[in-house]
C-alpha atoms as a PDB file:
ATOM      1  CA  MET A   1     -17.485  -2.657  15.804  1.00  0.00           C
ATOM      2  CA  PHE A   2     -18.881  -6.475  15.796  1.00  0.00           C
ATOM      3  CA  PHE A   3     -16.811  -9.030  17.349  1.00  0.00           C
ATOM      4  CA  PRO A   4     -17.719 -12.650  16.741  1.00  0.00           C
ATOM      5  CA  THR A   5     -19.553 -14.114  19.850  1.00  0.00           C
ATOM      6  CA  SER A   6     -20.203 -17.919  18.312  1.00  0.00           C
ATOM      7  CA  LEU A   7     -18.855 -20.144  15.436  1.00  0.00           C
ATOM      8  CA  GLN A   8     -22.043 -19.324  13.557  1.00  0.00           C
ATOM      9  CA  ASP A   9     -21.303 -15.569  13.706  1.00  0.00           C
ATOM     10  CA  ILE A  10     -18.051 -16.634  12.295  1.00  0.00           C
ATOM     11  CA  VAL A  11     -19.078 -18.403   9.484  1.00  0.00           C
ATOM     12  CA  THR A  12     -21.672 -16.452   8.292  1.00  0.00           C
ATOM     13  CA  LEU A  13     -19.482 -13.315   8.464  1.00  0.00           C
ATOM     14  CA  GLY A  14     -16.599 -15.275   6.706  1.00  0.00           C
ATOM     15  CA  PRO A  15     -12.835 -14.709   7.164  1.00  0.00           C
ATOM     16  CA  SER A  16     -11.540 -11.496   7.382  1.00  0.00           C
ATOM     17  CA  VAL A  17     -10.248 -10.489   4.019  1.00  0.00           C
ATOM     18  CA  GLY A  18      -6.067 -10.153   4.146  1.00  0.00           C
ATOM     19  CA  LEU A  19      -2.876  -9.186   2.311  1.00  0.00           C
ATOM     20  CA  LEU A  20       0.272 -11.629   2.298  1.00  0.00           C
ATOM     21  CA  SER A  21       2.588  -8.719   1.598  1.00  0.00           C
ATOM     22  CA  ALA A  22       3.358  -4.616   1.509  1.00  0.00           C
ATOM     23  CA  THR A  23       6.189  -2.921  -0.510  1.00  0.00           C
ATOM     24  CA  TRP A  24       6.832   0.860  -0.386  1.00  0.00           C
ATOM     25  CA  ARG A  25       9.796   1.878  -2.868  1.00  0.00           C
ATOM     26  CA  VAL A  26      10.990   4.985  -3.785  1.00  0.00           C
ATOM     27  CA  HIS A  27      13.506   6.312  -6.453  1.00  0.00           C
ATOM     28  CA  ALA A  28      15.456   9.377  -5.148  1.00  0.00           C
ATOM     29  CA  SER A  29      17.734  11.627  -6.946  1.00  0.00           C
ATOM     30  CA  GLY A  30      20.883  12.136  -5.330  1.00  0.00           C
ATOM     31  CA  VAL A  31      19.901  15.860  -4.107  1.00  0.00           C
ATOM     32  CA  ASP A  32      16.976  14.271  -2.230  1.00  0.00           C
ATOM     33  CA  ASP A  33      16.424  14.544   1.376  1.00  0.00           C
ATOM     34  CA  LEU A  34      16.951  10.814   2.330  1.00  0.00           C
ATOM     35  CA  GLU A  35      16.155  11.379   5.592  1.00  0.00           C
ATOM     36  CA  MET A  36      12.983  12.938   5.347  1.00  0.00           C
ATOM     37  CA  ILE A  37      12.062  10.292   2.828  1.00  0.00           C
ATOM     38  CA  GLU A  38      12.818   7.601   5.302  1.00  0.00           C
ATOM     39  CA  SER A  39      11.442   9.210   8.269  1.00  0.00           C
ATOM     40  CA  GLY A  40       8.034   9.254   5.776  1.00  0.00           C
ATOM     41  CA  LEU A  41       8.476   5.830   4.963  1.00  0.00           C
ATOM     42  CA  HIS A  42       8.455   4.877   8.604  1.00  0.00           C
ATOM     43  CA  TRP A  43       5.458   6.693   9.020  1.00  0.00           C
ATOM     44  CA  LEU A  44       3.555   5.174   6.677  1.00  0.00           C
ATOM     45  CA  THR A  45       4.463   1.544   7.495  1.00  0.00           C
ATOM     46  CA  GLY A  46       3.239   2.484  10.919  1.00  0.00           C
ATOM     47  CA  GLU A  47       7.257   1.375  11.666  1.00  0.00           C
ATOM     48  CA  CYS A  48       6.819  -2.104  10.671  1.00  0.00           C
ATOM     49  CA  CYS A  49       9.508  -2.058   8.108  1.00  0.00           C
ATOM     50  CA  GLU A  50      13.048  -1.539   7.919  1.00  0.00           C
ATOM     51  CA  VAL A  51      14.100   0.926   5.329  1.00  0.00           C
ATOM     52  CA  THR A  52      16.743  -0.294   2.960  1.00  0.00           C
ATOM     53  CA  TRP A  53      18.699   1.864   0.658  1.00  0.00           C
ATOM     54  CA  THR A  54      20.151   0.655  -2.495  1.00  0.00           C
ATOM     55  CA  ARG A  55      22.725   3.538  -5.141  1.00  0.00           C
ATOM     56  CA  GLU A  56      21.853   3.141  -8.567  1.00  0.00           C
ATOM     57  CA  LYS A  57      22.165   5.022 -11.857  1.00  0.00           C
ATOM     58  CA  SER A  58      19.190   6.190 -13.527  1.00  0.00           C
ATOM     59  CA  PHE A  59      18.441   5.700 -17.191  1.00  0.00           C
ATOM     60  CA  HIS A  60      19.642   8.511 -18.163  1.00  0.00           C
ATOM     61  CA  GLY A  61      23.441   7.785 -15.803  1.00  0.00           C
ATOM     62  CA  SER A  62      22.693   9.894 -12.888  1.00  0.00           C
ATOM     63  CA  PRO A  63      22.636   8.189  -9.541  1.00  0.00           C
ATOM     64  CA  GLN A  64      19.672   7.968  -7.819  1.00  0.00           C
ATOM     65  CA  HIS A  65      18.742   6.255  -4.213  1.00  0.00           C
ATOM     66  CA  VAL A  66      16.220   3.190  -4.243  1.00  0.00           C
ATOM     67  CA  ALA A  67      14.188   2.705  -0.911  1.00  0.00           C
ATOM     68  CA  VAL A  68      12.149  -0.286  -0.670  1.00  0.00           C
ATOM     69  CA  ALA A  69      10.230  -0.757   2.762  1.00  0.00           C
ATOM     70  CA  ARG A  70       8.682  -4.576   2.841  1.00  0.00           C
ATOM     71  CA  THR A  71       7.199  -7.159   5.419  1.00  0.00           C
ATOM     72  CA  GLU A  72       5.936 -10.438   4.618  1.00  0.00           C
ATOM     73  CA  LYS A  73       3.442 -10.830   7.815  1.00  0.00           C
ATOM     74  CA  LYS A  74       0.148 -10.600   7.157  1.00  0.00           C
ATOM     75  CA  ARG A  75      -1.095  -8.389  10.305  1.00  0.00           C
ATOM     76  CA  GLU A  76       1.572  -5.874   9.392  1.00  0.00           C
ATOM     77  CA  ALA A  77       0.190  -5.858   5.237  1.00  0.00           C
ATOM     78  CA  ARG A  78      -2.950  -4.981   6.387  1.00  0.00           C
ATOM     79  CA  SER A  79      -1.672  -2.235   8.411  1.00  0.00           C
ATOM     80  CA  CYS A  80       0.538  -0.821   5.880  1.00  0.00           C
ATOM     81  CA  PHE A  81      -2.829  -0.980   3.703  1.00  0.00           C
ATOM     82  CA  ARG A  82      -4.720   0.725   6.247  1.00  0.00           C
ATOM     83  CA  ARG A  83      -1.953   3.504   6.834  1.00  0.00           C
ATOM     84  CA  LEU A  84      -3.604   4.918   3.541  1.00  0.00           C
ATOM     85  CA  GLY A  85      -6.010   6.292   5.667  1.00  0.00           C
ATOM     86  CA  ALA A  86      -9.863   7.500   5.143  1.00  0.00           C
ATOM     87  CA  ASP A  87      -9.996   9.511   2.489  1.00  0.00           C
ATOM     88  CA  VAL A  88      -8.112   7.312   0.267  1.00  0.00           C
ATOM     89  CA  MET A  89      -9.666   3.910   0.956  1.00  0.00           C
ATOM     90  CA  ALA A  90     -12.680   6.177   0.097  1.00  0.00           C
ATOM     91  CA  GLN A  91     -11.237   7.199  -3.033  1.00  0.00           C
ATOM     92  CA  LEU A  92      -9.887   3.684  -4.018  1.00  0.00           C
ATOM     93  CA  TYR A  93     -13.794   2.715  -3.082  1.00  0.00           C
ATOM     94  CA  GLU A  94     -15.486   4.869  -5.137  1.00  0.00           C
ATOM     95  CA  GLU A  95     -13.103   4.756  -8.332  1.00  0.00           C
ATOM     96  CA  GLY A  96     -13.126   0.665  -8.254  1.00  0.00           C
ATOM     97  CA  ILE A  97     -10.373  -1.197  -7.136  1.00  0.00           C
ATOM     98  CA  LYS A  98      -9.894  -3.473 -10.591  1.00  0.00           C
ATOM     99  CA  LYS A  99      -7.937  -1.024 -12.654  1.00  0.00           C
ATOM    100  CA  ARG A 100      -5.315  -1.464  -9.575  1.00  0.00           C
ATOM    101  CA  VAL A 101      -5.170  -5.064  -9.295  1.00  0.00           C
ATOM    102  CA  ASP A 102      -3.107  -7.112 -11.931  1.00  0.00           C
ATOM    103  CA  ASP A 103      -2.347 -10.689 -12.595  1.00  0.00           C
ATOM    104  CA  GLU A 104      -0.070 -11.716  -9.886  1.00  0.00           C
ATOM    105  CA  LYS A 105      -2.807 -10.610  -7.545  1.00  0.00           C
ATOM    106  CA  ASN A 106      -0.825  -7.197  -6.562  1.00  0.00           C
ATOM    107  CA  ILE A 107      -2.555  -4.197  -5.727  1.00  0.00           C
ATOM    108  CA  HIS A 108      -0.898  -1.108  -7.050  1.00  0.00           C
ATOM    109  CA  VAL A 109      -0.760   2.140  -5.503  1.00  0.00           C
ATOM    110  CA  ARG A 110       0.664   5.093  -5.747  1.00  0.00           C
ATOM    111  CA  ILE A 111       1.041   7.997  -3.653  1.00  0.00           C
ATOM    112  CA  SER A 112       2.790  11.721  -3.956  1.00  0.00           C
ATOM    113  CA  LEU A 113       5.923  12.195  -2.151  1.00  0.00           C
ATOM    114  CA  SER A 114       6.314  15.201  -1.204  1.00  0.00           C
ATOM    115  CA  GLU A 115       2.546  15.342   0.011  1.00  0.00           C
ATOM    116  CA  LEU A 116       3.812  12.119   2.172  1.00  0.00           C
ATOM    117  CA  CYS A 117       7.026  14.180   3.257  1.00  0.00           C
ATOM    118  CA  ARG A 118       4.329  16.825   4.912  1.00  0.00           C
ATOM    119  CA  GLY A 119       2.763  14.024   6.685  1.00  0.00           C
ATOM    120  CA  ARG A 120      -0.055  13.135   4.339  1.00  0.00           C
ATOM    121  CA  VAL A 121      -0.784  10.616   1.920  1.00  0.00           C
ATOM    122  CA  LYS A 122      -2.622  11.616  -1.600  1.00  0.00           C
ATOM    123  CA  LEU A 123      -3.078   8.857  -4.224  1.00  0.00           C
ATOM    124  CA  ILE A 124      -1.121  10.251  -7.681  1.00  0.00           C
ATOM    125  CA  GLU A 125      -3.196  11.766 -10.763  1.00  0.00           C
ATOM    126  CA  PRO A 126      -2.745   9.542 -13.987  1.00  0.00           C
ATOM    127  CA  GLY A 127      -0.281  11.193 -15.995  1.00  0.00           C
ATOM    128  CA  SER A 128       1.302  13.267 -12.882  1.00  0.00           C
ATOM    129  CA  ARG A 129       4.987  13.985 -13.245  1.00  0.00           C
ATOM    130  CA  GLY A 130       5.858  14.139  -9.418  1.00  0.00           C
ATOM    131  CA  SER A 131       7.769  11.969  -7.584  1.00  0.00           C
ATOM    132  CA  THR A 132       5.999   9.203  -6.209  1.00  0.00           C
ATOM    133  CA  VAL A 133       5.814   6.287  -3.771  1.00  0.00           C
ATOM    134  CA  LYS A 134       4.972   3.234  -5.712  1.00  0.00           C
ATOM    135  CA  GLY A 135       2.749   0.623  -2.587  1.00  0.00           C
ATOM    136  CA  THR A 136       2.643  -3.478  -3.880  1.00  0.00           C
ATOM    137  CA  PHE A 137       0.309  -5.053  -1.689  1.00  0.00           C
ATOM    138  CA  LYS A 138       0.070  -9.113  -2.174  1.00  0.00           C
ATOM    139  CA  ILE A 139      -3.779 -10.250  -1.855  1.00  0.00           C
ATOM    140  CA  GLU A 140      -4.866 -13.227  -0.055  1.00  0.00           C
ATOM    141  CA  ALA A 141      -6.432 -14.715  -2.614  1.00  0.00           C
ATOM    142  CA  TYR A 142      -6.625 -18.594  -2.887  1.00  0.00           C
ATOM    143  CA  PRO A 143      -7.883 -20.824  -6.105  1.00  0.00           C
ATOM    144  CA  GLY A 144     -11.645 -20.346  -6.760  1.00  0.00           C
ATOM    145  CA  ASP A 145     -11.390 -16.619  -5.448  1.00  0.00           C
ATOM    146  CA  ASP A 146     -11.470 -14.018  -8.022  1.00  0.00           C
ATOM    147  CA  PRO A 147      -8.009 -11.815  -6.664  1.00  0.00           C
ATOM    148  CA  ILE A 148     -10.640  -8.506  -7.289  1.00  0.00           C
ATOM    149  CA  ASP A 149     -13.357  -9.406  -5.332  1.00  0.00           C
ATOM    150  CA  VAL A 150     -11.437 -10.092  -2.619  1.00  0.00           C
ATOM    151  CA  ALA A 151      -9.423  -6.877  -2.938  1.00  0.00           C
ATOM    152  CA  SER A 152     -12.702  -4.952  -2.811  1.00  0.00           C
ATOM    153  CA  ARG A 153     -13.860  -6.617   0.174  1.00  0.00           C
ATOM    154  CA  LEU A 154     -10.684  -5.464   1.400  1.00  0.00           C
ATOM    155  CA  VAL A 155     -11.468  -1.463   0.264  1.00  0.00           C
ATOM    156  CA  ASN A 156     -14.776  -1.995   1.589  1.00  0.00           C
ATOM    157  CA  GLU A 157     -14.032  -3.534   5.250  1.00  0.00           C
ATOM    158  CA  LEU A 158     -11.447  -0.542   5.558  1.00  0.00           C
ATOM    159  CA  SER A 159     -13.442   2.258   4.189  1.00  0.00           C
ATOM    160  CA  PRO A 160     -15.344   4.656   6.352  1.00  0.00           C
ATOM    161  CA  GLU A 161     -18.968   3.991   6.938  1.00  0.00           C
END
């Protein structure tokens, strides 16, 4: 890894690409193993976020639980994104990040809940019907920055070479 040794190196490299916040959200049924889900969320966030649970009713009226793990610290948000792992970063790099960035400068990622409970991170295929963990990452983009370019640089920085 290269560490800048002079001001010129820092100017040439530019600042490291960042995230402002990270949020993971899970909708669990009344029969799901909530402790296992919470343990998976703690692992996924690197233990940096408290997991909060709320009890709600689903669209059909059955009870459900919603878990949210959130940080608004830049370093922790970047760490949470990095914990997706090399395979997911490579997949995001290959498919292009553009379709995952919204108008509010957020990157959206959905991973498999069952795989997370097994200690693995796997992106959900479009149209999949399995339970998911939804990640939302706020991009650190300022006026004049293209959020898609910033997100692409972030994925490029974190992708294996």
